[in-house]
Amino acid sequence: MDKVIFSIPFIFALFTWLLLTINAVESKAEEESQFNYEETTAKGPENWGHLNPKWQVCSNGKLQSPIDLLHERVTVVQNLGNLKRNYKPAPAALINRGHDIMMEWKEDAGGININGTDYKLKQCHWHAPSEHTVNGTSYDMELHMVHKSSSGEIAVVAILYKFGHPDPFISKFLHQVKTVDHKGIDLGVVNPWKIKFGSRKYYRYLGSLTVPPCTEGVLWTVLKKVRTVSREQARELRNAVHDGFEENARPVQEWNGRTVYMYNPRSL
């Protein structure tokens, strides 16, 4: 009898969590007009959790992202292994979601495998300045590659950028950024392998989406290699979004006792 009493709420809670996770990527774009990144305003990051009942975890969650990747608190390991990628070219579209510019793959573009789970690449988008920081240092831009498993779990690969040489991947569609709107522009076939990683080293931790509804349970992989983007590229991506979203980086959140790993194949 006790089994029945406790198993039903557990199954219901698990099912609810999966539904929230499955819809998380889509939900990111739905409420764009209801929030902003201006810290001194009523709709700013400090108040996201109070703007919508569905967003409460933005304020009271314990696994929120982004975070400061502080080296003195990071656990360096070798056993995480290289990030397994199996991307492939697929049709994609460029979309202006108001709060960011997103590239969305319309068909199977491959993905990554983490701990035996396959995560399919769904979209990528850009934040400026970076959301994650390293030892308190913020960078000029950050790319998020959003993946989903067949059960709806989300894994994000993040790449940090500093000003320097143009990024070859962004160069391919930069001329279209000025005119893209919420309906999107067809880009034809886009190969995700053109997004350069540049290093096998990465940080790994459990966090959340960085915009409302701030859904937790997101598996983050932040590449240690900092790549370069030109000032023009960053400026065009900033100018294309709606007013008030030119700087679309959420402030860093508390670690709250989480373990953050750094994979370094030569650490031992």
Protein backbone atom coordinates (compact mmCIF):
# COMPACT_ATOMS: atom_id res chain seq x y z
CA MET A 1 0.00 0.00 0.00
CA ASP A 2 2.81 2.39 0.88
CA LYS A 3 4.36 1.80 -2.52
CA VAL A 4 1.23 2.96 -4.30
CA ILE A 5 0.93 6.08 -2.14
CA PHE A 6 4.44 7.26 -2.85
CA SER A 7 4.93 6.05 -6.41
CA ILE A 8 2.04 8.00 -7.97
CA PRO A 9 3.23 11.47 -6.81
CA PHE A 10 6.76 10.55 -7.85
CA ILE A 11 5.67 9.51 -11.34
CA PHE A 12 3.51 12.63 -11.66
CA ALA A 13 6.39 14.88 -10.59
CA LEU A 14 8.76 13.15 -13.02
CA PHE A 15 6.26 13.47 -15.86
CA THR A 16 5.72 17.16 -15.09
CA TRP A 17 9.46 17.79 -15.03
CA LEU A 18 9.89 16.06 -18.40
CA LEU A 19 7.11 18.14 -19.94
CA LEU A 20 8.72 21.33 -18.70
CA THR A 21 12.07 20.22 -20.06
CA ILE A 22 10.68 19.17 -23.44
CA ASN A 23 9.02 22.56 -23.88
CA ALA A 24 11.90 24.57 -22.45
CA VAL A 25 13.61 25.45 -25.73
CA GLU A 26 10.34 26.61 -27.30
CA SER A 27 9.38 28.56 -24.16
CA LYS A 28 12.55 30.60 -24.37
CA ALA A 29 11.14 32.69 -27.21
CA GLU A 30 7.51 32.97 -26.17
CA GLU A 31 7.72 35.63 -23.46
CA GLU A 32 10.39 37.90 -24.88
CA SER A 33 8.36 41.10 -24.34
CA GLN A 34 7.85 40.31 -20.66
CA PHE A 35 11.47 40.48 -19.55
CA ASN A 36 14.69 42.37 -20.21
CA TYR A 37 18.33 42.48 -19.12
CA GLU A 38 18.36 45.96 -17.56
CA GLU A 39 19.14 45.37 -13.90
CA THR A 40 17.55 48.59 -12.66
CA THR A 41 14.14 47.92 -14.22
CA ALA A 42 11.09 46.01 -13.01
CA LYS A 43 11.55 43.42 -15.78
CA GLY A 44 15.28 42.95 -15.15
CA PRO A 45 17.05 39.69 -14.21
CA GLU A 46 16.62 40.16 -10.46
CA ASN A 47 12.85 40.20 -10.93
CA TRP A 48 12.35 37.47 -13.55
CA GLY A 49 11.08 35.02 -10.95
CA HIS A 50 8.29 37.42 -9.95
CA LEU A 51 7.05 38.33 -13.45
CA ASN A 52 5.32 35.04 -14.22
CA PRO A 53 4.26 32.14 -11.97
CA LYS A 54 5.98 29.76 -14.41
CA TRP A 55 9.27 31.58 -13.91
CA GLN A 56 9.61 31.27 -10.12
CA VAL A 57 12.68 29.04 -10.41
CA CYS A 58 14.56 32.05 -11.87
CA SER A 59 14.55 33.42 -8.31
CA ASN A 60 14.41 30.38 -6.03
CA GLY A 61 16.25 27.75 -8.08
CA LYS A 62 19.47 26.19 -6.79
CA LEU A 63 20.93 25.10 -10.14
CA GLN A 64 20.83 28.38 -12.05
CA SER A 65 23.08 29.45 -14.93
CA PRO A 66 25.36 31.10 -15.89
CA ILE A 67 28.08 30.88 -13.25
CA ASP A 68 31.62 32.13 -12.74
CA LEU A 69 34.02 29.30 -13.55
CA LEU A 70 36.38 29.94 -10.68
CA HIS A 71 39.47 27.76 -11.08
CA GLU A 72 40.19 27.42 -7.37
CA ARG A 73 36.81 25.71 -6.93
CA VAL A 74 36.81 23.62 -10.13
CA THR A 75 37.57 19.89 -9.91
CA VAL A 76 40.04 18.90 -12.64
CA VAL A 77 39.45 15.38 -14.01
CA GLN A 78 40.51 13.12 -16.87
CA ASN A 79 37.69 10.59 -16.87
CA LEU A 80 34.98 12.70 -18.53
CA GLY A 81 36.53 11.97 -21.92
CA ASN A 82 36.55 13.95 -25.14
CA LEU A 83 33.23 15.43 -26.22
CA LYS A 84 31.77 13.02 -28.78
CA ARG A 85 30.36 14.93 -31.76
CA ASN A 86 28.55 13.48 -34.76
CA TYR A 87 27.21 16.57 -36.50
CA LYS A 88 26.11 16.58 -40.13
CA PRO A 89 24.91 19.21 -42.64
CA ALA A 90 21.17 19.96 -42.58
CA PRO A 91 18.74 22.71 -43.68
CA ALA A 92 18.68 25.66 -41.29
CA ALA A 93 17.02 29.04 -40.84
CA LEU A 94 18.12 32.30 -39.21
CA ILE A 95 15.52 33.79 -36.85
CA ASN A 96 15.38 37.04 -34.88
CA ARG A 97 13.71 36.17 -31.57
CA GLY A 98 13.88 39.74 -30.35
CA HIS A 99 16.12 38.96 -27.40
CA ASP A 100 18.70 37.13 -29.55
CA ILE A 101 19.58 35.87 -33.03
CA MET A 102 19.04 32.13 -33.43
CA MET A 103 20.02 29.59 -36.08
CA GLU A 104 17.60 26.67 -36.09
CA TRP A 105 18.21 23.36 -37.86
CA LYS A 106 15.01 22.10 -39.53
CA GLU A 107 16.16 18.50 -39.97
CA ASP A 108 18.55 16.08 -38.29
CA ALA A 109 21.90 17.86 -37.90
CA GLY A 110 23.46 15.15 -35.73
CA GLY A 111 24.57 16.03 -32.23
CA ILE A 112 26.68 14.98 -29.27
CA ASN A 113 26.87 11.96 -26.96
CA ILE A 114 27.38 12.44 -23.22
CA ASN A 115 27.50 9.50 -20.83
CA GLY A 116 25.89 7.26 -23.44
CA THR A 117 22.98 9.62 -24.15
CA ASP A 118 22.52 11.11 -27.62
CA TYR A 119 21.54 14.78 -27.77
CA LYS A 120 20.41 16.15 -31.13
CA LEU A 121 21.44 19.65 -32.15
CA LYS A 122 18.38 21.89 -32.39
CA GLN A 123 19.63 25.46 -32.55
CA CYS A 124 22.36 27.90 -31.62
CA HIS A 125 22.19 31.54 -30.54
CA TRP A 126 24.47 34.33 -29.34
CA HIS A 127 24.79 36.42 -26.17
CA ALA A 128 26.84 39.59 -25.82
CA PRO A 129 28.73 40.02 -23.58
CA SER A 130 29.38 36.46 -22.43
CA GLU A 131 27.11 34.99 -19.77
CA HIS A 132 29.65 32.64 -18.19
CA THR A 133 32.76 34.23 -16.77
CA VAL A 134 36.14 32.66 -15.98
CA ASN A 135 37.80 33.73 -12.74
CA GLY A 136 35.59 36.81 -12.80
CA THR A 137 36.53 37.75 -16.38
CA SER A 138 33.70 38.43 -18.83
CA TYR A 139 34.26 37.93 -22.55
CA ASP A 140 32.82 39.78 -25.53
CA MET A 141 30.38 37.13 -26.76
CA GLU A 142 29.10 33.62 -26.08
CA LEU A 143 27.56 31.03 -28.39
CA HIS A 144 25.11 28.43 -27.09
CA MET A 145 24.54 25.23 -29.06
CA VAL A 146 21.31 23.71 -27.73
CA HIS A 147 20.80 19.94 -27.92
CA LYS A 148 17.92 17.72 -26.82
CA SER A 149 17.72 13.99 -26.10
CA SER A 150 14.82 11.79 -27.19
CA SER A 151 13.39 12.11 -23.66
CA GLY A 152 13.58 15.91 -23.70
CA GLU A 153 16.75 16.45 -21.64
CA ILE A 154 18.76 19.50 -22.67
CA ALA A 155 22.53 19.75 -23.12
CA VAL A 156 24.16 23.04 -24.11
CA VAL A 157 27.66 23.53 -25.47
CA ALA A 158 28.92 27.07 -24.86
CA ILE A 159 31.81 28.81 -26.63
CA LEU A 160 33.36 32.04 -25.36
CA TYR A 161 34.72 34.74 -27.70
CA LYS A 162 37.00 37.77 -27.41
CA PHE A 163 37.54 40.49 -29.99
CA GLY A 164 40.06 39.59 -32.67
CA HIS A 165 39.92 37.88 -36.05
CA PRO A 166 36.44 37.37 -37.57
CA ASP A 167 34.70 34.10 -36.80
CA PRO A 168 34.42 32.13 -40.09
CA PHE A 169 31.06 30.59 -39.19
CA ILE A 170 29.39 33.95 -38.47
CA SER A 171 30.90 35.41 -41.65
CA LYS A 172 28.79 33.05 -43.76
CA PHE A 173 25.48 34.65 -42.73
CA LEU A 174 26.42 38.06 -41.27
CA HIS A 175 25.01 39.95 -44.28
CA GLN A 176 21.58 38.49 -43.52
CA VAL A 177 21.49 39.47 -39.86
CA LYS A 178 20.35 43.05 -40.59
CA THR A 179 17.16 41.98 -42.35
CA VAL A 180 16.10 38.85 -40.46
CA ASP A 181 12.88 39.02 -38.44
CA HIS A 182 10.82 36.64 -36.30
CA LYS A 183 9.64 34.78 -39.41
CA GLY A 184 13.21 33.81 -40.26
CA ILE A 185 15.36 33.48 -43.36
CA ASP A 186 16.11 30.16 -45.04
CA LEU A 187 19.88 29.56 -45.05
CA GLY A 188 19.84 26.32 -47.02
CA VAL A 189 22.11 23.53 -45.76
CA VAL A 190 24.38 24.53 -42.86
CA ASN A 191 27.15 22.28 -41.53
CA PRO A 192 27.51 22.49 -37.70
CA TRP A 193 31.08 21.26 -38.03
CA LYS A 194 31.90 24.78 -39.26
CA ILE A 195 31.47 25.96 -35.68
CA LYS A 196 35.05 25.66 -34.44
CA PHE A 197 35.67 24.24 -30.96
CA GLY A 198 39.47 24.41 -30.95
CA SER A 199 40.22 22.46 -27.76
CA ARG A 200 39.41 19.21 -26.01
CA LYS A 201 39.32 20.92 -22.59
CA TYR A 202 35.95 21.94 -21.17
CA TYR A 203 34.00 22.71 -18.00
CA ARG A 204 30.99 20.54 -17.11
CA TYR A 205 28.21 21.25 -14.62
CA LEU A 206 24.46 20.95 -14.07
CA GLY A 207 22.59 24.22 -14.48
CA SER A 208 19.62 25.86 -16.14
CA LEU A 209 18.42 27.83 -19.12
CA THR A 210 19.73 31.40 -18.88
CA VAL A 211 16.46 33.07 -19.90
CA PRO A 212 12.93 32.61 -18.51
CA PRO A 213 11.59 30.13 -17.54
CA CYS A 214 15.13 29.30 -16.27
CA THR A 215 14.34 25.56 -16.36
CA GLU A 216 16.86 23.52 -14.36
CA GLY A 217 18.43 20.18 -15.21
CA VAL A 218 20.42 21.50 -18.19
CA LEU A 219 23.78 19.79 -18.73
CA TRP A 220 26.36 22.46 -19.56
CA THR A 221 29.65 21.98 -21.43
CA VAL A 222 31.63 25.25 -21.59
CA LEU A 223 34.69 25.00 -23.81
CA LYS A 224 37.90 26.25 -22.19
CA LYS A 225 39.32 27.57 -25.46
CA VAL A 226 38.37 31.22 -25.99
CA ARG A 227 37.88 31.91 -29.69
CA THR A 228 37.77 35.24 -31.54
CA VAL A 229 35.03 37.33 -33.13
CA SER A 230 35.45 40.67 -34.91
CA ARG A 231 33.98 43.86 -33.45
CA GLU A 232 31.88 44.23 -36.61
CA GLN A 233 30.38 40.75 -36.21
CA ALA A 234 29.51 41.35 -32.57
CA ARG A 235 28.08 44.79 -33.40
CA GLU A 236 25.81 43.43 -36.15
CA LEU A 237 24.46 40.71 -33.86
CA ARG A 238 23.83 43.29 -31.12
CA ASN A 239 22.17 45.81 -33.44
CA ALA A 240 19.82 43.24 -34.93
CA VAL A 241 17.96 42.43 -31.69
CA HIS A 242 15.16 44.53 -30.25
CA ASP A 243 15.85 47.68 -28.23
CA GLY A 244 16.85 46.81 -24.69
CA PHE A 245 18.41 43.49 -25.68
CA GLU A 246 21.68 44.75 -27.17
CA GLU A 247 23.35 43.38 -24.03
CA ASN A 248 21.58 40.09 -23.50
CA ALA A 249 23.69 38.39 -20.81
CA ARG A 250 22.17 37.23 -17.55
CA PRO A 251 24.35 37.99 -14.48
CA VAL A 252 26.25 35.06 -12.98
CA GLN A 253 24.37 32.96 -10.42
CA GLU A 254 25.39 31.28 -7.16
CA TRP A 255 27.16 27.92 -7.23
CA ASN A 256 25.03 26.64 -4.32
CA GLY A 257 27.39 23.79 -3.53
CA ARG A 258 27.49 22.36 -7.03
CA THR A 259 30.53 20.46 -8.29
CA VAL A 260 31.99 21.96 -11.46
CA TYR A 261 34.41 19.76 -13.38
CA MET A 262 37.10 20.71 -15.85
CA TYR A 263 38.12 18.00 -18.27
CA ASN A 264 41.85 18.12 -18.98
CA PRO A 265 43.20 14.98 -20.70
CA ARG A 266 46.72 15.80 -19.54
CA SER A 267 45.95 16.76 -15.95
CA LEU A 268 47.55 13.73 -14.30
